[in-house]
Each structure stands twice: as structure tokens, then as C-alpha cells.
Amino acid sequence: MSATMNLSLTDELKSFVQQNSGNGTLYSTPSEFIRDTIRERKEKMDAAELRDGVLEGFQDAINGKVVEFNGSVRDAIAEVKKKELSGW
């Protein structure tokens, strides 16, 4: 679903948007350019969050905070909860 949002830009940013949209550019309209720029930023933030989670998992593994996985997600979650309560 689309929604309208009005933005105020500095002259420098307005010029940048105009240079990257319209004839001879990848984007037909300034809105397309802004949407794609926002999507790229969101993807970078999502990737950083995922990377942080993976690094946290590696750190836990290094510190011995692991459980044996036997194919049952419920069992693994229960074991993690049990170990967390005991302080690992």
C-alpha cells in the first residue's frame, strides 16, 4: 500500500535527487529514487542486525553456550531455557 509523505530537503539534497532521477538516469521519478535509496538503507540495517546476531551466536559457541540439536526445535528451546535458568 502506498502512502504520501512530504519531505523538506536542503538545496544540495534536492539537486542530488534531481541529478539521479529523470531522463537519462536509472529512475524515472524522484519518488523512485528516494524509495530505492530507502530500501537500500533498510537492507543494510537488516544485514547489520543479522550479522550482529550471527556474531553473538559465535561468541556464545566459543563460551560453551550451546545445546546439542537432535532435530526437535521444541526440545532444543526447552534445553536452552533450562540452561539459562541455571546460569549456563
PDB file of N, CA and C in Angstrom:
ATOM      1  N   MET A   1       0.840  -1.174   0.000  1.00  0.00           N
ATOM      2  CA  MET A   1       0.000   0.000   0.000  1.00  0.00           C
ATOM      3  C   MET A   1       0.886   1.240   0.000  1.00  0.00           C
ATOM      4  N   SER A   2       0.562   2.185  -0.841  1.00  0.00           N
ATOM      5  CA  SER A   2       1.324   3.432  -0.930  1.00  0.00           C
ATOM      6  C   SER A   2       0.734   4.480  -0.013  1.00  0.00           C
ATOM      7  N   ALA A   3       1.599   5.330   0.455  1.00  0.00           N
ATOM      8  CA  ALA A   3       1.174   6.469   1.256  1.00  0.00           C
ATOM      9  C   ALA A   3       2.017   7.660   0.836  1.00  0.00           C
ATOM     10  N   THR A   4       1.459   8.832   0.952  1.00  0.00           N
ATOM     11  CA  THR A   4       2.172  10.042   0.574  1.00  0.00           C
ATOM     12  C   THR A   4       2.865  10.616   1.789  1.00  0.00           C
ATOM     13  N   MET A   5       4.098  11.086   1.575  1.00  0.00           N
ATOM     14  CA  MET A   5       4.859  11.734   2.632  1.00  0.00           C
ATOM     15  C   MET A   5       5.593  12.907   1.997  1.00  0.00           C
ATOM     16  N   ASN A   6       5.472  14.055   2.599  1.00  0.00           N
ATOM     17  CA  ASN A   6       6.178  15.229   2.095  1.00  0.00           C
ATOM     18  C   ASN A   6       7.486  15.392   2.841  1.00  0.00           C
ATOM     19  N   LEU A   7       8.553  15.685   2.097  1.00  0.00           N
ATOM     20  CA  LEU A   7       9.873  15.848   2.689  1.00  0.00           C
ATOM     21  C   LEU A   7      10.423  17.225   2.375  1.00  0.00           C
ATOM     22  N   SER A   8      11.153  17.764   3.312  1.00  0.00           N
ATOM     23  CA  SER A   8      11.881  19.008   3.076  1.00  0.00           C
ATOM     24  C   SER A   8      13.346  18.655   2.906  1.00  0.00           C
ATOM     25  N   LEU A   9      13.938  19.110   1.803  1.00  0.00           N
ATOM     26  CA  LEU A   9      15.337  18.819   1.512  1.00  0.00           C
ATOM     27  C   LEU A   9      16.126  20.112   1.401  1.00  0.00           C
ATOM     28  N   THR A  10      17.387  20.017   1.751  1.00  0.00           N
ATOM     29  CA  THR A  10      18.269  21.158   1.506  1.00  0.00           C
ATOM     30  C   THR A  10      18.439  21.290  -0.006  1.00  0.00           C
ATOM     31  N   ASP A  11      18.902  22.443  -0.454  1.00  0.00           N
ATOM     32  CA  ASP A  11      19.130  22.639  -1.887  1.00  0.00           C
ATOM     33  C   ASP A  11      20.104  21.603  -2.435  1.00  0.00           C
ATOM     34  N   GLU A  12      21.123  21.271  -1.644  1.00  0.00           N
ATOM     35  CA  GLU A  12      22.120  20.287  -2.068  1.00  0.00           C
ATOM     36  C   GLU A  12      21.484  18.910  -2.272  1.00  0.00           C
ATOM     37  N   LEU A  13      20.642  18.483  -1.319  1.00  0.00           N
ATOM     38  CA  LEU A  13      19.984  17.181  -1.447  1.00  0.00           C
ATOM     39  C   LEU A  13      18.961  17.181  -2.583  1.00  0.00           C
ATOM     40  N   LYS A  14      18.243  18.274  -2.739  1.00  0.00           N
ATOM     41  CA  LYS A  14      17.276  18.380  -3.838  1.00  0.00           C
ATOM     42  C   LYS A  14      17.989  18.232  -5.179  1.00  0.00           C
ATOM     43  N   SER A  15      19.109  18.891  -5.324  1.00  0.00           N
ATOM     44  CA  SER A  15      19.895  18.800  -6.554  1.00  0.00           C
ATOM     45  C   SER A  15      20.377  17.367  -6.780  1.00  0.00           C
ATOM     46  N   PHE A  16      20.810  16.714  -5.714  1.00  0.00           N
ATOM     47  CA  PHE A  16      21.276  15.329  -5.800  1.00  0.00           C
ATOM     48  C   PHE A  16      20.158  14.413  -6.285  1.00  0.00           C
ATOM     49  N   VAL A  17      18.960  14.575  -5.732  1.00  0.00           N
ATOM     50  CA  VAL A  17      17.814  13.760  -6.142  1.00  0.00           C
ATOM     51  C   VAL A  17      17.489  14.027  -7.608  1.00  0.00           C
ATOM     52  N   GLN A  18      17.490  15.283  -7.999  1.00  0.00           N
ATOM     53  CA  GLN A  18      17.178  15.635  -9.383  1.00  0.00           C
ATOM     54  C   GLN A  18      18.219  15.076 -10.357  1.00  0.00           C
ATOM     55  N   GLN A  19      19.472  15.062  -9.951  1.00  0.00           N
ATOM     56  CA  GLN A  19      20.535  14.528 -10.809  1.00  0.00           C
ATOM     57  C   GLN A  19      20.412  13.018 -10.991  1.00  0.00           C
ATOM     58  N   ASN A  20      19.780  12.358 -10.040  1.00  0.00           N
ATOM     59  CA  ASN A  20      19.668  10.900 -10.074  1.00  0.00           C
ATOM     60  C   ASN A  20      18.300  10.401 -10.513  1.00  0.00           C
ATOM     61  N   SER A  21      17.461  11.286 -11.009  1.00  0.00           N
ATOM     62  CA  SER A  21      16.140  10.881 -11.487  1.00  0.00           C
ATOM     63  C   SER A  21      15.792  11.681 -12.743  1.00  0.00           C
ATOM     64  N   GLY A  22      14.930  11.094 -13.554  1.00  0.00           N
ATOM     65  CA  GLY A  22      14.527  11.768 -14.785  1.00  0.00           C
ATOM     66  C   GLY A  22      15.221  11.183 -15.998  1.00  0.00           C
ATOM     67  N   ASN A  23      15.185  11.909 -17.094  1.00  0.00           N
ATOM     68  CA  ASN A  23      15.758  11.446 -18.365  1.00  0.00           C
ATOM     69  C   ASN A  23      17.235  11.099 -18.236  1.00  0.00           C
ATOM     70  N   GLY A  24      17.595   9.961 -18.817  1.00  0.00           N
ATOM     71  CA  GLY A  24      18.991   9.546 -18.835  1.00  0.00           C
ATOM     72  C   GLY A  24      19.503   8.965 -17.535  1.00  0.00           C
ATOM     73  N   THR A  25      18.611   8.673 -16.598  1.00  0.00           N
ATOM     74  CA  THR A  25      19.026   8.089 -15.317  1.00  0.00           C
ATOM     75  C   THR A  25      18.312   6.757 -15.109  1.00  0.00           C
ATOM     76  N   LEU A  26      18.679   6.068 -14.079  1.00  0.00           N
ATOM     77  CA  LEU A  26      18.074   4.780 -13.752  1.00  0.00           C
ATOM     78  C   LEU A  26      16.629   4.935 -13.259  1.00  0.00           C
ATOM     79  N   TYR A  27      16.302   6.069 -12.674  1.00  0.00           N
ATOM     80  CA  TYR A  27      14.996   6.291 -12.056  1.00  0.00           C
ATOM     81  C   TYR A  27      14.187   7.310 -12.853  1.00  0.00           C
ATOM     82  N   SER A  28      12.925   6.988 -13.128  1.00  0.00           N
ATOM     83  CA  SER A  28      12.059   7.888 -13.892  1.00  0.00           C
ATOM     84  C   SER A  28      11.643   9.109 -13.092  1.00  0.00           C
ATOM     85  N   THR A  29      11.447   8.898 -11.789  1.00  0.00           N
ATOM     86  CA  THR A  29      10.949   9.995 -10.952  1.00  0.00           C
ATOM     87  C   THR A  29      11.777  10.115  -9.679  1.00  0.00           C
ATOM     88  N   PRO A  30      11.737  11.291  -9.053  1.00  0.00           N
ATOM     89  CA  PRO A  30      12.402  11.430  -7.756  1.00  0.00           C
ATOM     90  C   PRO A  30      11.870  10.436  -6.724  1.00  0.00           C
ATOM     91  N   SER A  31      10.579  10.132  -6.775  1.00  0.00           N
ATOM     92  CA  SER A  31       9.997   9.176  -5.821  1.00  0.00           C
ATOM     93  C   SER A  31      10.630   7.800  -5.954  1.00  0.00           C
ATOM     94  N   GLU A  32      10.859   7.356  -7.197  1.00  0.00           N
ATOM     95  CA  GLU A  32      11.509   6.058  -7.402  1.00  0.00           C
ATOM     96  C   GLU A  32      12.907   6.055  -6.799  1.00  0.00           C
ATOM     97  N   PHE A  33      13.637   7.135  -7.007  1.00  0.00           N
ATOM     98  CA  PHE A  33      14.995   7.230  -6.471  1.00  0.00           C
ATOM     99  C   PHE A  33      14.981   7.194  -4.945  1.00  0.00           C
ATOM    100  N   ILE A  34      14.100   7.976  -4.338  1.00  0.00           N
ATOM    101  CA  ILE A  34      14.014   8.032  -2.872  1.00  0.00           C
ATOM    102  C   ILE A  34      13.610   6.665  -2.316  1.00  0.00           C
ATOM    103  N   ARG A  35      12.604   6.025  -2.923  1.00  0.00           N
ATOM    104  CA  ARG A  35      12.169   4.700  -2.442  1.00  0.00           C
ATOM    105  C   ARG A  35      13.308   3.691  -2.502  1.00  0.00           C
ATOM    106  N   ASP A  36      14.037   3.682  -3.623  1.00  0.00           N
ATOM    107  CA  ASP A  36      15.130   2.727  -3.757  1.00  0.00           C
ATOM    108  C   ASP A  36      16.247   3.018  -2.764  1.00  0.00           C
ATOM    109  N   THR A  37      16.523   4.288  -2.547  1.00  0.00           N
ATOM    110  CA  THR A  37      17.556   4.677  -1.578  1.00  0.00           C
ATOM    111  C   THR A  37      17.165   4.226  -0.169  1.00  0.00           C
ATOM    112  N   ILE A  38      15.905   4.402   0.177  1.00  0.00           N
ATOM    113  CA  ILE A  38      15.421   3.970   1.497  1.00  0.00           C
ATOM    114  C   ILE A  38      15.480   2.446   1.609  1.00  0.00           C
ATOM    115  N   ARG A  39      15.079   1.732   0.543  1.00  0.00           N
ATOM    116  CA  ARG A  39      15.156   0.262   0.549  1.00  0.00           C
ATOM    117  C   ARG A  39      16.586  -0.213   0.772  1.00  0.00           C
ATOM    118  N   GLU A  40      17.534   0.412   0.057  1.00  0.00           N
ATOM    119  CA  GLU A  40      18.946   0.037   0.219  1.00  0.00           C
ATOM    120  C   GLU A  40      19.398   0.235   1.660  1.00  0.00           C
ATOM    121  N   ARG A  41      19.018   1.358   2.258  1.00  0.00           N
ATOM    122  CA  ARG A  41      19.394   1.648   3.646  1.00  0.00           C
ATOM    123  C   ARG A  41      18.793   0.606   4.589  1.00  0.00           C
ATOM    124  N   LYS A  42      17.519   0.264   4.356  1.00  0.00           N
ATOM    125  CA  LYS A  42      16.859  -0.739   5.201  1.00  0.00           C
ATOM    126  C   LYS A  42      17.552  -2.094   5.071  1.00  0.00           C
ATOM    127  N   GLU A  43      17.906  -2.484   3.843  1.00  0.00           N
ATOM    128  CA  GLU A  43      18.606  -3.756   3.632  1.00  0.00           C
ATOM    129  C   GLU A  43      19.940  -3.773   4.365  1.00  0.00           C
ATOM    130  N   LYS A  44      20.662  -2.662   4.341  1.00  0.00           N
ATOM    131  CA  LYS A  44      21.942  -2.578   5.057  1.00  0.00           C
ATOM    132  C   LYS A  44      21.734  -2.728   6.560  1.00  0.00           C
ATOM    133  N   MET A  45      20.699  -2.074   7.083  1.00  0.00           N
ATOM    134  CA  MET A  45      20.418  -2.165   8.515  1.00  0.00           C
ATOM    135  C   MET A  45      20.000  -3.585   8.894  1.00  0.00           C
ATOM    136  N   ASP A  46      19.169  -4.215   8.053  1.00  0.00           N
ATOM    137  CA  ASP A  46      18.751  -5.597   8.315  1.00  0.00           C
ATOM    138  C   ASP A  46      19.952  -6.539   8.288  1.00  0.00           C
ATOM    139  N   ALA A  47      20.842  -6.331   7.314  1.00  0.00           N
ATOM    140  CA  ALA A  47      22.039  -7.174   7.212  1.00  0.00           C
ATOM    141  C   ALA A  47      22.941  -6.987   8.429  1.00  0.00           C
ATOM    142  N   ALA A  48      23.064  -5.747   8.904  1.00  0.00           N
ATOM    143  CA  ALA A  48      23.890  -5.481  10.089  1.00  0.00           C
ATOM    144  C   ALA A  48      23.295  -6.166  11.317  1.00  0.00           C
ATOM    145  N   GLU A  49      21.972  -6.136  11.434  1.00  0.00           N
ATOM    146  CA  GLU A  49      21.305  -6.798  12.562  1.00  0.00           C
ATOM    147  C   GLU A  49      21.521  -8.312  12.503  1.00  0.00           C
ATOM    148  N   LEU A  50      21.409  -8.878  11.312  1.00  0.00           N
ATOM    149  CA  LEU A  50      21.646 -10.313  11.144  1.00  0.00           C
ATOM    150  C   LEU A  50      23.092 -10.662  11.473  1.00  0.00           C
ATOM    151  N   ARG A  51      24.027  -9.853  10.976  1.00  0.00           N
ATOM    152  CA  ARG A  51      25.451 -10.089  11.241  1.00  0.00           C
ATOM    153  C   ARG A  51      25.729 -10.043  12.740  1.00  0.00           C
ATOM    154  N   ASP A  52      25.128  -9.069  13.439  1.00  0.00           N
ATOM    155  CA  ASP A  52      25.317  -8.971  14.889  1.00  0.00           C
ATOM    156  C   ASP A  52      24.793 -10.218  15.597  1.00  0.00           C
ATOM    157  N   GLY A  53      23.644 -10.735  15.133  1.00  0.00           N
ATOM    158  CA  GLY A  53      23.090 -11.950  15.727  1.00  0.00           C
ATOM    159  C   GLY A  53      23.977 -13.158  15.498  1.00  0.00           C
ATOM    160  N   VAL A  54      24.529 -13.255  14.296  1.00  0.00           N
ATOM    161  CA  VAL A  54      25.435 -14.369  13.990  1.00  0.00           C
ATOM    162  C   VAL A  54      26.687 -14.274  14.852  1.00  0.00           C
ATOM    163  N   LEU A  55      27.244 -13.070  14.978  1.00  0.00           N
ATOM    164  CA  LEU A  55      28.434 -12.886  15.810  1.00  0.00           C
ATOM    165  C   LEU A  55      28.146 -13.225  17.267  1.00  0.00           C
ATOM    166  N   GLU A  56      26.968 -12.847  17.737  1.00  0.00           N
ATOM    167  CA  GLU A  56      26.579 -13.182  19.109  1.00  0.00           C
ATOM    168  C   GLU A  56      26.492 -14.700  19.274  1.00  0.00           C
ATOM    169  N   GLY A  57      25.947 -15.376  18.255  1.00  0.00           N
ATOM    170  CA  GLY A  57      25.873 -16.836  18.300  1.00  0.00           C
ATOM    171  C   GLY A  57      27.247 -17.483  18.319  1.00  0.00           C
ATOM    172  N   PHE A  58      28.169 -16.965  17.502  1.00  0.00           N
ATOM    173  CA  PHE A  58      29.539 -17.483  17.514  1.00  0.00           C
ATOM    174  C   PHE A  58      30.181 -17.276  18.876  1.00  0.00           C
ATOM    175  N   GLN A  59      29.963 -16.108  19.451  1.00  0.00           N
ATOM    176  CA  GLN A  59      30.535 -15.805  20.766  1.00  0.00           C
ATOM    177  C   GLN A  59      29.971 -16.759  21.812  1.00  0.00           C
ATOM    178  N   ASP A  60      28.669 -17.024  21.738  1.00  0.00           N
ATOM    179  CA  ASP A  60      28.063 -17.989  22.665  1.00  0.00           C
ATOM    180  C   ASP A  60      28.697 -19.366  22.495  1.00  0.00           C
ATOM    181  N   ALA A  61      28.907 -19.774  21.249  1.00  0.00           N
ATOM    182  CA  ALA A  61      29.511 -21.088  20.995  1.00  0.00           C
ATOM    183  C   ALA A  61      30.926 -21.151  21.555  1.00  0.00           C
ATOM    184  N   ILE A  62      31.689 -20.083  21.368  1.00  0.00           N
ATOM    185  CA  ILE A  62      33.055 -20.029  21.904  1.00  0.00           C
ATOM    186  C   ILE A  62      33.037 -20.154  23.419  1.00  0.00           C
ATOM    187  N   ASN A  63      32.021 -19.554  24.048  1.00  0.00           N
ATOM    188  CA  ASN A  63      31.908 -19.570  25.508  1.00  0.00           C
ATOM    189  C   ASN A  63      31.180 -20.811  26.031  1.00  0.00           C
ATOM    190  N   GLY A  64      30.903 -21.760  25.159  1.00  0.00           N
ATOM    191  CA  GLY A  64      30.279 -23.005  25.595  1.00  0.00           C
ATOM    192  C   GLY A  64      28.778 -22.947  25.762  1.00  0.00           C
ATOM    193  N   LYS A  65      28.157 -21.863  25.335  1.00  0.00           N
ATOM    194  CA  LYS A  65      26.705 -21.740  25.458  1.00  0.00           C
ATOM    195  C   LYS A  65      26.051 -22.367  24.224  1.00  0.00           C
ATOM    196  N   VAL A  66      26.066 -23.690  24.199  1.00  0.00           N
ATOM    197  CA  VAL A  66      25.496 -24.425  23.070  1.00  0.00           C
ATOM    198  C   VAL A  66      24.645 -25.572  23.594  1.00  0.00           C
ATOM    199  N   VAL A  67      23.737 -26.023  22.767  1.00  0.00           N
ATOM    200  CA  VAL A  67      22.952 -27.216  23.080  1.00  0.00           C
ATOM    201  C   VAL A  67      23.037 -28.152  21.884  1.00  0.00           C
ATOM    202  N   GLU A  68      22.989 -29.422  22.163  1.00  0.00           N
ATOM    203  CA  GLU A  68      23.000 -30.434  21.106  1.00  0.00           C
ATOM    204  C   GLU A  68      21.636 -30.418  20.429  1.00  0.00           C
ATOM    205  N   PHE A  69      21.621 -30.349  19.120  1.00  0.00           N
ATOM    206  CA  PHE A  69      20.346 -30.332  18.392  1.00  0.00           C
ATOM    207  C   PHE A  69      20.045 -31.726  17.874  1.00  0.00           C
ATOM    208  N   ASN A  70      18.892 -32.254  18.311  1.00  0.00           N
ATOM    209  CA  ASN A  70      18.515 -33.616  17.923  1.00  0.00           C
ATOM    210  C   ASN A  70      17.398 -33.635  16.890  1.00  0.00           C
ATOM    211  N   GLY A  71      17.085 -32.489  16.321  1.00  0.00           N
ATOM    212  CA  GLY A  71      16.037 -32.416  15.311  1.00  0.00           C
ATOM    213  C   GLY A  71      14.722 -31.888  15.837  1.00  0.00           C
ATOM    214  N   SER A  72      14.599 -31.729  17.139  1.00  0.00           N
ATOM    215  CA  SER A  72      13.369 -31.206  17.722  1.00  0.00           C
ATOM    216  C   SER A  72      13.605 -29.781  18.206  1.00  0.00           C
ATOM    217  N   VAL A  73      12.981 -28.840  17.531  1.00  0.00           N
ATOM    218  CA  VAL A  73      13.133 -27.438  17.919  1.00  0.00           C
ATOM    219  C   VAL A  73      12.590 -27.217  19.323  1.00  0.00           C
ATOM    220  N   ARG A  74      11.462 -27.834  19.635  1.00  0.00           N
ATOM    221  CA  ARG A  74      10.874 -27.665  20.973  1.00  0.00           C
ATOM    222  C   ARG A  74      11.822 -28.158  22.062  1.00  0.00           C
ATOM    223  N   ASP A  75      12.434 -29.317  21.828  1.00  0.00           N
ATOM    224  CA  ASP A  75      13.380 -29.850  22.814  1.00  0.00           C
ATOM    225  C   ASP A  75      14.586 -28.925  22.972  1.00  0.00           C
ATOM    226  N   ALA A  76      15.078 -28.397  21.860  1.00  0.00           N
ATOM    227  CA  ALA A  76      16.236 -27.501  21.914  1.00  0.00           C
ATOM    228  C   ALA A  76      15.897 -26.229  22.682  1.00  0.00           C
ATOM    229  N   ILE A  77      14.718 -25.666  22.434  1.00  0.00           N
ATOM    230  CA  ILE A  77      14.295 -24.455  23.148  1.00  0.00           C
ATOM    231  C   ILE A  77      14.155 -24.741  24.633  1.00  0.00           C
ATOM    232  N   ALA A  78      13.562 -25.874  24.980  1.00  0.00           N
ATOM    233  CA  ALA A  78      13.405 -26.239  26.389  1.00  0.00           C
ATOM    234  C   ALA A  78      14.767 -26.392  27.060  1.00  0.00           C
ATOM    235  N   GLU A  79      15.726 -26.986  26.350  1.00  0.00           N
ATOM    236  CA  GLU A  79      17.058 -27.164  26.925  1.00  0.00           C
ATOM    237  C   GLU A  79      17.754 -25.819  27.123  1.00  0.00           C
ATOM    238  N   VAL A  80      17.598 -24.913  26.160  1.00  0.00           N
ATOM    239  CA  VAL A  80      18.196 -23.577  26.296  1.00  0.00           C
ATOM    240  C   VAL A  80      17.597 -22.867  27.499  1.00  0.00           C
ATOM    241  N   LYS A  81      16.275 -22.915  27.643  1.00  0.00           N
ATOM    242  CA  LYS A  81      15.626 -22.269  28.785  1.00  0.00           C
ATOM    243  C   LYS A  81      16.130 -22.852  30.102  1.00  0.00           C
ATOM    244  N   LYS A  82      16.254 -24.168  30.142  1.00  0.00           N
ATOM    245  CA  LYS A  82      16.747 -24.840  31.351  1.00  0.00           C
ATOM    246  C   LYS A  82      18.167 -24.375  31.682  1.00  0.00           C
ATOM    247  N   LYS A  83      19.024 -24.309  30.669  1.00  0.00           N
ATOM    248  CA  LYS A  83      20.409 -23.881  30.899  1.00  0.00           C
ATOM    249  C   LYS A  83      20.481 -22.411  31.298  1.00  0.00           C
ATOM    250  N   GLU A  84      19.624 -21.574  30.696  1.00  0.00           N
ATOM    251  CA  GLU A  84      19.622 -20.156  31.069  1.00  0.00           C
ATOM    252  C   GLU A  84      19.236 -19.981  32.528  1.00  0.00           C
ATOM    253  N   LEU A  85      18.261 -20.759  32.990  1.00  0.00           N
ATOM    254  CA  LEU A  85      17.843 -20.675  34.388  1.00  0.00           C
ATOM    255  C   LEU A  85      18.955 -21.097  35.338  1.00  0.00           C
ATOM    256  N   SER A  86      19.793 -22.023  34.885  1.00  0.00           N
ATOM    257  CA  SER A  86      20.888 -22.483  35.746  1.00  0.00           C
ATOM    258  C   SER A  86      22.130 -21.607  35.614  1.00  0.00           C
ATOM    259  N   GLY A  87      22.053 -20.592  34.724  1.00  0.00           N
ATOM    260  CA  GLY A  87      23.185 -19.668  34.581  1.00  0.00           C
ATOM    261  C   GLY A  87      24.251 -20.144  33.621  1.00  0.00           C
ATOM    262  N   TRP A  88      23.935 -21.183  32.816  1.00  0.00           N
ATOM    263  CA  TRP A  88      24.883 -21.752  31.848  1.00  0.00           C
ATOM    264  C   TRP A  88      26.103 -22.177  32.588  1.00  0.00           C
TER     265      TRP A  88
END
